[in-house]
Amino acid sequence: MNWQPLSEQAISDALASNKRLFIDVTADWCVTCKANKYNVLLRDDVQSALSEPDVVALRGDWSQPSAFIADFLAKRNRYAIPFNAVYGPGLSDGEILSPLLDKRTLITTLNNAKG
């Protein structure tokens, strides 16, 4: 699976192309982010879902201070990580997932994003 860098433009471009998006904002120092990575994101069925041709996976790394990521989160009324959201033709405003990811919810939300 190929992570692309997080940007507002990447979100706009993907939505304009009727793609589904999975956004992961993480950091090296974030224990919950690591739990999400190992318990959910690296699982075969999740990797498979995120690798579908109409899915764009964007990752923002907040390991170092970043005004862009702080602003990105603030625009979504969030101020902490992990931050995960799914967008798509069926979820154009996006759906923010629980900080502690759940494999079934993630895959279901990705499917709902198809529209």
PDB file of N, CA and C in Angstrom:
ATOM      1  N   MET A   1       0.838  -1.184   0.000  1.00  0.00           N
ATOM      2  CA  MET A   1       0.000   0.000   0.000  1.00  0.00           C
ATOM      3  C   MET A   1       0.877   1.239   0.000  1.00  0.00           C
ATOM      4  N   ASN A   2       0.438   2.243  -0.698  1.00  0.00           N
ATOM      5  CA  ASN A   2       1.237   3.436  -0.932  1.00  0.00           C
ATOM      6  C   ASN A   2       0.654   4.647  -0.222  1.00  0.00           C
ATOM      7  N   TRP A   3       1.307   5.131   0.827  1.00  0.00           N
ATOM      8  CA  TRP A   3       0.860   6.348   1.501  1.00  0.00           C
ATOM      9  C   TRP A   3       1.327   7.555   0.708  1.00  0.00           C
ATOM     10  N   GLN A   4       0.441   8.525   0.551  1.00  0.00           N
ATOM     11  CA  GLN A   4       0.798   9.795  -0.078  1.00  0.00           C
ATOM     12  C   GLN A   4       0.773  10.878   0.993  1.00  0.00           C
ATOM     13  N   PRO A   5       1.517  11.971   0.782  1.00  0.00           N
ATOM     14  CA  PRO A   5       1.541  13.030   1.794  1.00  0.00           C
ATOM     15  C   PRO A   5       0.193  13.748   1.900  1.00  0.00           C
ATOM     16  N   LEU A   6      -0.181  14.036   3.126  1.00  0.00           N
ATOM     17  CA  LEU A   6      -1.439  14.729   3.410  1.00  0.00           C
ATOM     18  C   LEU A   6      -1.375  16.173   2.934  1.00  0.00           C
ATOM     19  N   SER A   7      -2.415  16.586   2.203  1.00  0.00           N
ATOM     20  CA  SER A   7      -2.581  18.000   1.845  1.00  0.00           C
ATOM     21  C   SER A   7      -4.050  18.239   1.527  1.00  0.00           C
ATOM     22  N   GLU A   8      -4.486  19.487   1.704  1.00  0.00           N
ATOM     23  CA  GLU A   8      -5.875  19.826   1.351  1.00  0.00           C
ATOM     24  C   GLU A   8      -6.078  19.610  -0.154  1.00  0.00           C
ATOM     25  N   GLN A   9      -5.052  19.908  -0.961  1.00  0.00           N
ATOM     26  CA  GLN A   9      -5.150  19.732  -2.409  1.00  0.00           C
ATOM     27  C   GLN A   9      -5.339  18.261  -2.771  1.00  0.00           C
ATOM     28  N   ALA A  10      -4.622  17.370  -2.095  1.00  0.00           N
ATOM     29  CA  ALA A  10      -4.758  15.928  -2.363  1.00  0.00           C
ATOM     30  C   ALA A  10      -6.183  15.459  -2.053  1.00  0.00           C
ATOM     31  N   ILE A  11      -6.784  16.008  -0.988  1.00  0.00           N
ATOM     32  CA  ILE A  11      -8.169  15.654  -0.646  1.00  0.00           C
ATOM     33  C   ILE A  11      -9.103  16.148  -1.752  1.00  0.00           C
ATOM     34  N   SER A  12      -8.951  17.407  -2.149  1.00  0.00           N
ATOM     35  CA  SER A  12      -9.799  17.978  -3.208  1.00  0.00           C
ATOM     36  C   SER A  12      -9.661  17.201  -4.511  1.00  0.00           C
ATOM     37  N   ASP A  13      -8.421  16.894  -4.884  1.00  0.00           N
ATOM     38  CA  ASP A  13      -8.173  16.168  -6.137  1.00  0.00           C
ATOM     39  C   ASP A  13      -8.826  14.786  -6.118  1.00  0.00           C
ATOM     40  N   ALA A  14      -8.673  14.083  -5.003  1.00  0.00           N
ATOM     41  CA  ALA A  14      -9.246  12.737  -4.902  1.00  0.00           C
ATOM     42  C   ALA A  14     -10.768  12.784  -4.972  1.00  0.00           C
ATOM     43  N   LEU A  15     -11.376  13.731  -4.253  1.00  0.00           N
ATOM     44  CA  LEU A  15     -12.843  13.848  -4.281  1.00  0.00           C
ATOM     45  C   LEU A  15     -13.333  14.234  -5.679  1.00  0.00           C
ATOM     46  N   ALA A  16     -12.598  15.109  -6.356  1.00  0.00           N
ATOM     47  CA  ALA A  16     -12.978  15.521  -7.715  1.00  0.00           C
ATOM     48  C   ALA A  16     -12.895  14.344  -8.691  1.00  0.00           C
ATOM     49  N   SER A  17     -12.062  13.362  -8.360  1.00  0.00           N
ATOM     50  CA  SER A  17     -11.907  12.173  -9.211  1.00  0.00           C
ATOM     51  C   SER A  17     -12.773  11.014  -8.740  1.00  0.00           C
ATOM     52  N   ASN A  18     -13.734  11.294  -7.832  1.00  0.00           N
ATOM     53  CA  ASN A  18     -14.616  10.260  -7.271  1.00  0.00           C
ATOM     54  C   ASN A  18     -13.857   9.128  -6.597  1.00  0.00           C
ATOM     55  N   LYS A  19     -12.755   9.475  -5.952  1.00  0.00           N
ATOM     56  CA  LYS A  19     -11.983   8.486  -5.203  1.00  0.00           C
ATOM     57  C   LYS A  19     -12.418   8.491  -3.750  1.00  0.00           C
ATOM     58  N   ARG A  20     -12.131   7.392  -3.072  1.00  0.00           N
ATOM     59  CA  ARG A  20     -12.309   7.335  -1.623  1.00  0.00           C
ATOM     60  C   ARG A  20     -10.971   7.673  -0.988  1.00  0.00           C
ATOM     61  N   LEU A  21     -11.028   8.288   0.190  1.00  0.00           N
ATOM     62  CA  LEU A  21      -9.814   8.716   0.886  1.00  0.00           C
ATOM     63  C   LEU A  21      -9.792   8.166   2.294  1.00  0.00           C
ATOM     64  N   PHE A  22      -8.611   7.734   2.692  1.00  0.00           N
ATOM     65  CA  PHE A  22      -8.392   7.413   4.098  1.00  0.00           C
ATOM     66  C   PHE A  22      -7.255   8.310   4.568  1.00  0.00           C
ATOM     67  N   ILE A  23      -7.502   9.058   5.631  1.00  0.00           N
ATOM     68  CA  ILE A  23      -6.510   9.979   6.176  1.00  0.00           C
ATOM     69  C   ILE A  23      -6.031   9.466   7.528  1.00  0.00           C
ATOM     70  N   ASP A  24      -4.717   9.433   7.678  1.00  0.00           N
ATOM     71  CA  ASP A  24      -4.093   9.010   8.925  1.00  0.00           C
ATOM     72  C   ASP A  24      -3.098  10.091   9.344  1.00  0.00           C
ATOM     73  N   VAL A  25      -3.375  10.749  10.478  1.00  0.00           N
ATOM     74  CA  VAL A  25      -2.414  11.692  11.042  1.00  0.00           C
ATOM     75  C   VAL A  25      -1.839  11.010  12.277  1.00  0.00           C
ATOM     76  N   THR A  26      -0.528  10.840  12.272  1.00  0.00           N
ATOM     77  CA  THR A  26       0.149  10.022  13.264  1.00  0.00           C
ATOM     78  C   THR A  26       1.441  10.695  13.700  1.00  0.00           C
ATOM     79  N   ALA A  27       2.139  10.092  14.657  1.00  0.00           N
ATOM     80  CA  ALA A  27       3.443  10.596  15.093  1.00  0.00           C
ATOM     81  C   ALA A  27       4.205   9.465  15.776  1.00  0.00           C
ATOM     82  N   ASP A  28       5.518   9.553  15.720  1.00  0.00           N
ATOM     83  CA  ASP A  28       6.370   8.532  16.346  1.00  0.00           C
ATOM     84  C   ASP A  28       6.107   8.401  17.846  1.00  0.00           C
ATOM     85  N   TRP A  29       5.780   9.521  18.499  1.00  0.00           N
ATOM     86  CA  TRP A  29       5.609   9.530  19.952  1.00  0.00           C
ATOM     87  C   TRP A  29       4.193   9.156  20.406  1.00  0.00           C
ATOM     88  N   CYS A  30       3.307   8.878  19.461  1.00  0.00           N
ATOM     89  CA  CYS A  30       1.891   8.622  19.775  1.00  0.00           C
ATOM     90  C   CYS A  30       1.645   7.132  19.989  1.00  0.00           C
ATOM     91  N   VAL A  31       1.422   6.743  21.245  1.00  0.00           N
ATOM     92  CA  VAL A  31       1.234   5.329  21.581  1.00  0.00           C
ATOM     93  C   VAL A  31      -0.042   4.770  20.947  1.00  0.00           C
ATOM     94  N   THR A  32      -1.132   5.538  20.981  1.00  0.00           N
ATOM     95  CA  THR A  32      -2.381   5.070  20.381  1.00  0.00           C
ATOM     96  C   THR A  32      -2.226   4.912  18.874  1.00  0.00           C
ATOM     97  N   CYS A  33      -1.442   5.806  18.247  1.00  0.00           N
ATOM     98  CA  CYS A  33      -1.177   5.689  16.801  1.00  0.00           C
ATOM     99  C   CYS A  33      -0.491   4.364  16.499  1.00  0.00           C
ATOM    100  N   LYS A  34       0.473   3.995  17.347  1.00  0.00           N
ATOM    101  CA  LYS A  34       1.185   2.726  17.148  1.00  0.00           C
ATOM    102  C   LYS A  34       0.231   1.545  17.310  1.00  0.00           C
ATOM    103  N   ALA A  35      -0.650   1.621  18.297  1.00  0.00           N
ATOM    104  CA  ALA A  35      -1.638   0.552  18.492  1.00  0.00           C
ATOM    105  C   ALA A  35      -2.535   0.435  17.260  1.00  0.00           C
ATOM    106  N   ASN A  36      -2.986   1.576  16.732  1.00  0.00           N
ATOM    107  CA  ASN A  36      -3.814   1.550  15.517  1.00  0.00           C
ATOM    108  C   ASN A  36      -3.060   0.917  14.358  1.00  0.00           C
ATOM    109  N   LYS A  37      -1.789   1.291  14.225  1.00  0.00           N
ATOM    110  CA  LYS A  37      -0.976   0.774  13.128  1.00  0.00           C
ATOM    111  C   LYS A  37      -0.889  -0.750  13.195  1.00  0.00           C
ATOM    112  N   TYR A  38      -0.496  -1.269  14.351  1.00  0.00           N
ATOM    113  CA  TYR A  38      -0.262  -2.711  14.464  1.00  0.00           C
ATOM    114  C   TYR A  38      -1.541  -3.530  14.601  1.00  0.00           C
ATOM    115  N   ASN A  39      -2.558  -2.993  15.274  1.00  0.00           N
ATOM    116  CA  ASN A  39      -3.791  -3.754  15.499  1.00  0.00           C
ATOM    117  C   ASN A  39      -4.796  -3.637  14.366  1.00  0.00           C
ATOM    118  N   VAL A  40      -4.685  -2.572  13.538  1.00  0.00           N
ATOM    119  CA  VAL A  40      -5.688  -2.350  12.491  1.00  0.00           C
ATOM    120  C   VAL A  40      -5.041  -2.116  11.125  1.00  0.00           C
ATOM    121  N   LEU A  41      -4.239  -1.067  11.014  1.00  0.00           N
ATOM    122  CA  LEU A  41      -3.776  -0.627   9.693  1.00  0.00           C
ATOM    123  C   LEU A  41      -2.891  -1.643   8.977  1.00  0.00           C
ATOM    124  N   LEU A  42      -2.114  -2.412   9.704  1.00  0.00           N
ATOM    125  CA  LEU A  42      -1.236  -3.391   9.053  1.00  0.00           C
ATOM    126  C   LEU A  42      -1.892  -4.752   8.838  1.00  0.00           C
ATOM    127  N   ARG A  43      -3.135  -4.912   9.224  1.00  0.00           N
ATOM    128  CA  ARG A  43      -3.849  -6.186   9.018  1.00  0.00           C
ATOM    129  C   ARG A  43      -4.123  -6.390   7.528  1.00  0.00           C
ATOM    130  N   ASP A  44      -4.060  -7.642   7.095  1.00  0.00           N
ATOM    131  CA  ASP A  44      -4.188  -7.958   5.663  1.00  0.00           C
ATOM    132  C   ASP A  44      -5.471  -7.429   5.044  1.00  0.00           C
ATOM    133  N   ASP A  45      -6.612  -7.615   5.731  1.00  0.00           N
ATOM    134  CA  ASP A  45      -7.883  -7.190   5.134  1.00  0.00           C
ATOM    135  C   ASP A  45      -7.969  -5.661   5.042  1.00  0.00           C
ATOM    136  N   VAL A  46      -7.385  -4.950   5.996  1.00  0.00           N
ATOM    137  CA  VAL A  46      -7.368  -3.488   5.944  1.00  0.00           C
ATOM    138  C   VAL A  46      -6.406  -3.027   4.851  1.00  0.00           C
ATOM    139  N   GLN A  47      -5.232  -3.642   4.774  1.00  0.00           N
ATOM    140  CA  GLN A  47      -4.284  -3.318   3.709  1.00  0.00           C
ATOM    141  C   GLN A  47      -4.926  -3.527   2.339  1.00  0.00           C
ATOM    142  N   SER A  48      -5.660  -4.600   2.208  1.00  0.00           N
ATOM    143  CA  SER A  48      -6.343  -4.906   0.949  1.00  0.00           C
ATOM    144  C   SER A  48      -7.386  -3.833   0.625  1.00  0.00           C
ATOM    145  N   ALA A  49      -8.181  -3.437   1.624  1.00  0.00           N
ATOM    146  CA  ALA A  49      -9.215  -2.412   1.413  1.00  0.00           C
ATOM    147  C   ALA A  49      -8.582  -1.074   1.049  1.00  0.00           C
ATOM    148  N   LEU A  50      -7.456  -0.732   1.704  1.00  0.00           N
ATOM    149  CA  LEU A  50      -6.803   0.546   1.442  1.00  0.00           C
ATOM    150  C   LEU A  50      -6.024   0.540   0.127  1.00  0.00           C
ATOM    151  N   SER A  51      -5.822  -0.642  -0.441  1.00  0.00           N
ATOM    152  CA  SER A  51      -5.072  -0.754  -1.696  1.00  0.00           C
ATOM    153  C   SER A  51      -5.980  -0.837  -2.923  1.00  0.00           C
ATOM    154  N   GLU A  52      -7.297  -0.768  -2.716  1.00  0.00           N
ATOM    155  CA  GLU A  52      -8.207  -0.808  -3.866  1.00  0.00           C
ATOM    156  C   GLU A  52      -7.914   0.382  -4.777  1.00  0.00           C
ATOM    157  N   PRO A  53      -8.139   0.205  -6.099  1.00  0.00           N
ATOM    158  CA  PRO A  53      -7.745   1.238  -7.062  1.00  0.00           C
ATOM    159  C   PRO A  53      -8.410   2.603  -6.850  1.00  0.00           C
ATOM    160  N   ASP A  54      -9.584   2.640  -6.222  1.00  0.00           N
ATOM    161  CA  ASP A  54     -10.269   3.925  -6.031  1.00  0.00           C
ATOM    162  C   ASP A  54     -10.026   4.513  -4.643  1.00  0.00           C
ATOM    163  N   VAL A  55      -9.049   3.973  -3.911  1.00  0.00           N
ATOM    164  CA  VAL A  55      -8.751   4.475  -2.566  1.00  0.00           C
ATOM    165  C   VAL A  55      -7.400   5.190  -2.575  1.00  0.00           C
ATOM    166  N   VAL A  56      -7.396   6.401  -2.015  1.00  0.00           N
ATOM    167  CA  VAL A  56      -6.167   7.170  -1.840  1.00  0.00           C
ATOM    168  C   VAL A  56      -5.910   7.241  -0.336  1.00  0.00           C
ATOM    169  N   ALA A  57      -4.722   6.815   0.081  1.00  0.00           N
ATOM    170  CA  ALA A  57      -4.355   6.845   1.495  1.00  0.00           C
ATOM    171  C   ALA A  57      -3.375   7.998   1.710  1.00  0.00           C
ATOM    172  N   LEU A  58      -3.782   8.937   2.568  1.00  0.00           N
ATOM    173  CA  LEU A  58      -2.955  10.108   2.856  1.00  0.00           C
ATOM    174  C   LEU A  58      -2.470  10.038   4.301  1.00  0.00           C
ATOM    175  N   ARG A  59      -1.192  10.324   4.501  1.00  0.00           N
ATOM    176  CA  ARG A  59      -0.658  10.296   5.862  1.00  0.00           C
ATOM    177  C   ARG A  59      -0.002  11.628   6.196  1.00  0.00           C
ATOM    178  N   GLY A  60      -0.347  12.136   7.369  1.00  0.00           N
ATOM    179  CA  GLY A  60       0.310  13.311   7.920  1.00  0.00           C
ATOM    180  C   GLY A  60       1.130  12.888   9.125  1.00  0.00           C
ATOM    181  N   ASP A  61       2.379  13.296   9.167  1.00  0.00           N
ATOM    182  CA  ASP A  61       3.272  12.919  10.262  1.00  0.00           C
ATOM    183  C   ASP A  61       3.503  14.130  11.164  1.00  0.00           C
ATOM    184  N   TRP A  62       3.073  14.013  12.408  1.00  0.00           N
ATOM    185  CA  TRP A  62       3.185  15.087  13.383  1.00  0.00           C
ATOM    186  C   TRP A  62       4.284  14.796  14.400  1.00  0.00           C
ATOM    187  N   SER A  63       5.252  13.947  14.004  1.00  0.00           N
ATOM    188  CA  SER A  63       6.356  13.614  14.918  1.00  0.00           C
ATOM    189  C   SER A  63       7.137  14.864  15.294  1.00  0.00           C
ATOM    190  N   GLN A  64       7.256  15.785  14.355  1.00  0.00           N
ATOM    191  CA  GLN A  64       7.869  17.087  14.597  1.00  0.00           C
ATOM    192  C   GLN A  64       6.751  18.140  14.537  1.00  0.00           C
ATOM    193  N   PRO A  65       6.883  19.233  15.255  1.00  0.00           N
ATOM    194  CA  PRO A  65       5.854  20.275  15.188  1.00  0.00           C
ATOM    195  C   PRO A  65       5.583  20.684  13.732  1.00  0.00           C
ATOM    196  N   SER A  66       4.308  20.853  13.414  1.00  0.00           N
ATOM    197  CA  SER A  66       3.917  21.201  12.051  1.00  0.00           C
ATOM    198  C   SER A  66       2.719  22.131  12.092  1.00  0.00           C
ATOM    199  N   ALA A  67       2.900  23.356  11.617  1.00  0.00           N
ATOM    200  CA  ALA A  67       1.790  24.308  11.564  1.00  0.00           C
ATOM    201  C   ALA A  67       0.712  23.788  10.623  1.00  0.00           C
ATOM    202  N   PHE A  68       1.116  23.155   9.516  1.00  0.00           N
ATOM    203  CA  PHE A  68       0.123  22.619   8.582  1.00  0.00           C
ATOM    204  C   PHE A  68      -0.786  21.605   9.275  1.00  0.00           C
ATOM    205  N   ILE A  69      -0.199  20.645   9.987  1.00  0.00           N
ATOM    206  CA  ILE A  69      -1.021  19.615  10.626  1.00  0.00           C
ATOM    207  C   ILE A  69      -1.867  20.218  11.746  1.00  0.00           C
ATOM    208  N   ALA A  70      -1.312  21.131  12.516  1.00  0.00           N
ATOM    209  CA  ALA A  70      -2.101  21.790  13.567  1.00  0.00           C
ATOM    210  C   ALA A  70      -3.304  22.499  12.949  1.00  0.00           C
ATOM    211  N   ASP A  71      -3.105  23.203  11.836  1.00  0.00           N
ATOM    212  CA  ASP A  71      -4.203  23.895  11.150  1.00  0.00           C
ATOM    213  C   ASP A  71      -5.194  22.909  10.550  1.00  0.00           C
ATOM    214  N   PHE A  72      -4.666  21.836   9.946  1.00  0.00           N
ATOM    215  CA  PHE A  72      -5.518  20.806   9.342  1.00  0.00           C
ATOM    216  C   PHE A  72      -6.475  20.240  10.390  1.00  0.00           C
ATOM    217  N   LEU A  73      -5.939  19.900  11.562  1.00  0.00           N
ATOM    218  CA  LEU A  73      -6.772  19.352  12.643  1.00  0.00           C
ATOM    219  C   LEU A  73      -7.751  20.393  13.166  1.00  0.00           C
ATOM    220  N   ALA A  74      -7.273  21.627  13.371  1.00  0.00           N
ATOM    221  CA  ALA A  74      -8.133  22.680  13.924  1.00  0.00           C
ATOM    222  C   ALA A  74      -9.320  22.959  13.013  1.00  0.00           C
ATOM    223  N   LYS A  75      -9.116  22.906  11.688  1.00  0.00           N
ATOM    224  CA  LYS A  75     -10.220  23.119  10.744  1.00  0.00           C
ATOM    225  C   LYS A  75     -11.298  22.061  10.908  1.00  0.00           C
ATOM    226  N   ARG A  76     -10.926  20.939  11.506  1.00  0.00           N
ATOM    227  CA  ARG A  76     -11.866  19.841  11.715  1.00  0.00           C
ATOM    228  C   ARG A  76     -12.249  19.717  13.193  1.00  0.00           C
ATOM    229  N   ASN A  77     -11.999  20.785  13.943  1.00  0.00           N
ATOM    230  CA  ASN A  77     -12.300  20.830  15.382  1.00  0.00           C
ATOM    231  C   ASN A  77     -11.642  19.700  16.155  1.00  0.00           C
ATOM    232  N   ARG A  78     -10.428  19.359  15.764  1.00  0.00           N
ATOM    233  CA  ARG A  78      -9.645  18.341  16.455  1.00  0.00           C
ATOM    234  C   ARG A  78      -8.299  18.968  16.803  1.00  0.00           C
ATOM    235  N   TYR A  79      -7.749  18.564  17.931  1.00  0.00           N
ATOM    236  CA  TYR A  79      -6.503  19.174  18.391  1.00  0.00           C
ATOM    237  C   TYR A  79      -5.516  18.128  18.880  1.00  0.00           C
ATOM    238  N   ALA A  80      -5.804  16.869  18.615  1.00  0.00           N
ATOM    239  CA  ALA A  80      -4.954  15.783  19.087  1.00  0.00           C
ATOM    240  C   ALA A  80      -4.943  14.665  18.047  1.00  0.00           C
ATOM    241  N   ILE A  81      -3.974  13.791  18.213  1.00  0.00           N
ATOM    242  CA  ILE A  81      -3.908  12.620  17.351  1.00  0.00           C
ATOM    243  C   ILE A  81      -3.957  11.375  18.228  1.00  0.00           C
ATOM    244  N   PRO A  82      -4.288  10.232  17.662  1.00  0.00           N
ATOM    245  CA  PRO A  82      -4.459   9.980  16.242  1.00  0.00           C
ATOM    246  C   PRO A  82      -5.714  10.641  15.673  1.00  0.00           C
ATOM    247  N   PHE A  83      -5.621  10.966  14.400  1.00  0.00           N
ATOM    248  CA  PHE A  83      -6.767  11.486  13.646  1.00  0.00           C
ATOM    249  C   PHE A  83      -6.886  10.639  12.394  1.00  0.00           C
ATOM    250  N   ASN A  84      -8.064  10.044  12.230  1.00  0.00           N
ATOM    251  CA  ASN A  84      -8.348   9.251  11.035  1.00  0.00           C
ATOM    252  C   ASN A  84      -9.712   9.646  10.511  1.00  0.00           C
ATOM    253  N   ALA A  85      -9.791   9.795   9.199  1.00  0.00           N
ATOM    254  CA  ALA A  85     -11.059  10.152   8.569  1.00  0.00           C
ATOM    255  C   ALA A  85     -11.157   9.457   7.223  1.00  0.00           C
ATOM    256  N   VAL A  86     -12.403   9.268   6.795  1.00  0.00           N
ATOM    257  CA  VAL A  86     -12.696   8.664   5.499  1.00  0.00           C
ATOM    258  C   VAL A  86     -13.574   9.637   4.725  1.00  0.00           C
ATOM    259  N   TYR A  87     -13.219   9.852   3.463  1.00  0.00           N
ATOM    260  CA  TYR A  87     -14.002  10.680   2.554  1.00  0.00           C
ATOM    261  C   TYR A  87     -14.287   9.856   1.306  1.00  0.00           C
ATOM    262  N   GLY A  88     -15.291  10.280   0.544  1.00  0.00           N
ATOM    263  CA  GLY A  88     -15.569   9.631  -0.736  1.00  0.00           C
ATOM    264  C   GLY A  88     -16.854  10.165  -1.315  1.00  0.00           C
ATOM    265  N   PRO A  89     -17.247   9.653  -2.480  1.00  0.00           N
ATOM    266  CA  PRO A  89     -18.494  10.103  -3.108  1.00  0.00           C
ATOM    267  C   PRO A  89     -19.693   9.987  -2.161  1.00  0.00           C
ATOM    268  N   GLY A  90     -19.689   8.976  -1.301  1.00  0.00           N
ATOM    269  CA  GLY A  90     -20.783   8.781  -0.348  1.00  0.00           C
ATOM    270  C   GLY A  90     -20.576   9.500   0.969  1.00  0.00           C
ATOM    271  N   LEU A  91     -19.405  10.078   1.163  1.00  0.00           N
ATOM    272  CA  LEU A  91     -19.075  10.798   2.406  1.00  0.00           C
ATOM    273  C   LEU A  91     -18.264  12.037   2.059  1.00  0.00           C
ATOM    274  N   SER A  92     -18.849  12.937   1.275  1.00  0.00           N
ATOM    275  CA  SER A  92     -18.082  14.081   0.773  1.00  0.00           C
ATOM    276  C   SER A  92     -17.636  15.024   1.887  1.00  0.00           C
ATOM    277  N   ASP A  93     -18.361  15.066   3.009  1.00  0.00           N
ATOM    278  CA  ASP A  93     -17.941  15.894   4.140  1.00  0.00           C
ATOM    279  C   ASP A  93     -16.980  15.150   5.060  1.00  0.00           C
ATOM    280  N   GLY A  94     -16.790  13.873   4.774  1.00  0.00           N
ATOM    281  CA  GLY A  94     -15.881  13.056   5.562  1.00  0.00           C
ATOM    282  C   GLY A  94     -16.515  12.551   6.838  1.00  0.00           C
ATOM    283  N   GLU A  95     -15.995  11.438   7.309  1.00  0.00           N
ATOM    284  CA  GLU A  95     -16.415  10.889   8.599  1.00  0.00           C
ATOM    285  C   GLU A  95     -15.157  10.668   9.419  1.00  0.00           C
ATOM    286  N   ILE A  96     -15.108  11.312  10.584  1.00  0.00           N
ATOM    287  CA  ILE A  96     -13.971  11.176  11.481  1.00  0.00           C
ATOM    288  C   ILE A  96     -14.178   9.919  12.318  1.00  0.00           C
ATOM    289  N   LEU A  97     -13.168   9.080  12.339  1.00  0.00           N
ATOM    290  CA  LEU A  97     -13.256   7.820  13.078  1.00  0.00           C
ATOM    291  C   LEU A  97     -12.791   8.004  14.518  1.00  0.00           C
ATOM    292  N   SER A  98     -13.137   7.048  15.348  1.00  0.00           N
ATOM    293  CA  SER A  98     -12.706   7.061  16.748  1.00  0.00           C
ATOM    294  C   SER A  98     -11.179   7.058  16.813  1.00  0.00           C
ATOM    295  N   PRO A  99     -10.588   7.741  17.813  1.00  0.00           N
ATOM    296  CA  PRO A  99      -9.123   7.732  17.931  1.00  0.00           C
ATOM    297  C   PRO A  99      -8.555   6.315  18.029  1.00  0.00           C
ATOM    298  N   LEU A 100      -9.271   5.409  18.666  1.00  0.00           N
ATOM    299  CA  LEU A 100      -8.841   4.017  18.730  1.00  0.00           C
ATOM    300  C   LEU A 100      -9.557   3.274  17.600  1.00  0.00           C
ATOM    301  N   LEU A 101      -8.802   2.997  16.543  1.00  0.00           N
ATOM    302  CA  LEU A 101      -9.416   2.407  15.354  1.00  0.00           C
ATOM    303  C   LEU A 101      -9.936   1.006  15.610  1.00  0.00           C
ATOM    304  N   ASP A 102     -10.990   0.683  14.892  1.00  0.00           N
ATOM    305  CA  ASP A 102     -11.613  -0.635  14.917  1.00  0.00           C
ATOM    306  C   ASP A 102     -11.646  -1.114  13.467  1.00  0.00           C
ATOM    307  N   LYS A 103     -11.133  -2.290  13.222  1.00  0.00           N
ATOM    308  CA  LYS A 103     -10.997  -2.811  11.867  1.00  0.00           C
ATOM    309  C   LYS A 103     -12.333  -2.851  11.126  1.00  0.00           C
ATOM    310  N   ARG A 104     -13.358  -3.388  11.765  1.00  0.00           N
ATOM    311  CA  ARG A 104     -14.663  -3.523  11.104  1.00  0.00           C
ATOM    312  C   ARG A 104     -15.258  -2.157  10.765  1.00  0.00           C
ATOM    313  N   THR A 105     -15.168  -1.205  11.702  1.00  0.00           N
ATOM    314  CA  THR A 105     -15.704   0.142  11.459  1.00  0.00           C
ATOM    315  C   THR A 105     -14.963   0.815  10.319  1.00  0.00           C
ATOM    316  N   LEU A 106     -13.654   0.671  10.276  1.00  0.00           N
ATOM    317  CA  LEU A 106     -12.857   1.274   9.210  1.00  0.00           C
ATOM    318  C   LEU A 106     -13.270   0.726   7.842  1.00  0.00           C
ATOM    319  N   ILE A 107     -13.369  -0.577   7.723  1.00  0.00           N
ATOM    320  CA  ILE A 107     -13.730  -1.186   6.433  1.00  0.00           C
ATOM    321  C   ILE A 107     -15.167  -0.826   6.049  1.00  0.00           C
ATOM    322  N   THR A 108     -16.090  -0.839   7.019  1.00  0.00           N
ATOM    323  CA  THR A 108     -17.482  -0.463   6.747  1.00  0.00           C
ATOM    324  C   THR A 108     -17.577   0.996   6.284  1.00  0.00           C
ATOM    325  N   THR A 109     -16.852   1.874   6.959  1.00  0.00           N
ATOM    326  CA  THR A 109     -16.886   3.296   6.593  1.00  0.00           C
ATOM    327  C   THR A 109     -16.293   3.498   5.202  1.00  0.00           C
ATOM    328  N   LEU A 110     -15.213   2.793   4.891  1.00  0.00           N
ATOM    329  CA  LEU A 110     -14.625   2.865   3.548  1.00  0.00           C
ATOM    330  C   LEU A 110     -15.636   2.400   2.492  1.00  0.00           C
ATOM    331  N   ASN A 111     -16.360   1.331   2.790  1.00  0.00           N
ATOM    332  CA  ASN A 111     -17.386   0.846   1.856  1.00  0.00           C
ATOM    333  C   ASN A 111     -18.517   1.852   1.699  1.00  0.00           C
ATOM    334  N   ASN A 112     -18.943   2.491   2.801  1.00  0.00           N
ATOM    335  CA  ASN A 112     -19.998   3.494   2.746  1.00  0.00           C
ATOM    336  C   ASN A 112     -19.571   4.703   1.923  1.00  0.00           C
ATOM    337  N   ALA A 113     -18.265   4.971   1.893  1.00  0.00           N
ATOM    338  CA  ALA A 113     -17.744   6.137   1.177  1.00  0.00           C
ATOM    339  C   ALA A 113     -17.889   5.985  -0.334  1.00  0.00           C
ATOM    340  N   LYS A 114     -18.141   4.751  -0.800  1.00  0.00           N
ATOM    341  CA  LYS A 114     -18.312   4.543  -2.249  1.00  0.00           C
ATOM    342  C   LYS A 114     -19.516   5.307  -2.772  1.00  0.00           C
ATOM    343  N   GLY A 115     -20.553   5.418  -1.930  1.00  0.00           N
ATOM    344  CA  GLY A 115     -21.748   6.153  -2.361  1.00  0.00           C
ATOM    345  C   GLY A 115     -22.721   5.267  -3.087  1.00  0.00           C
TER     346      GLY A 115
END
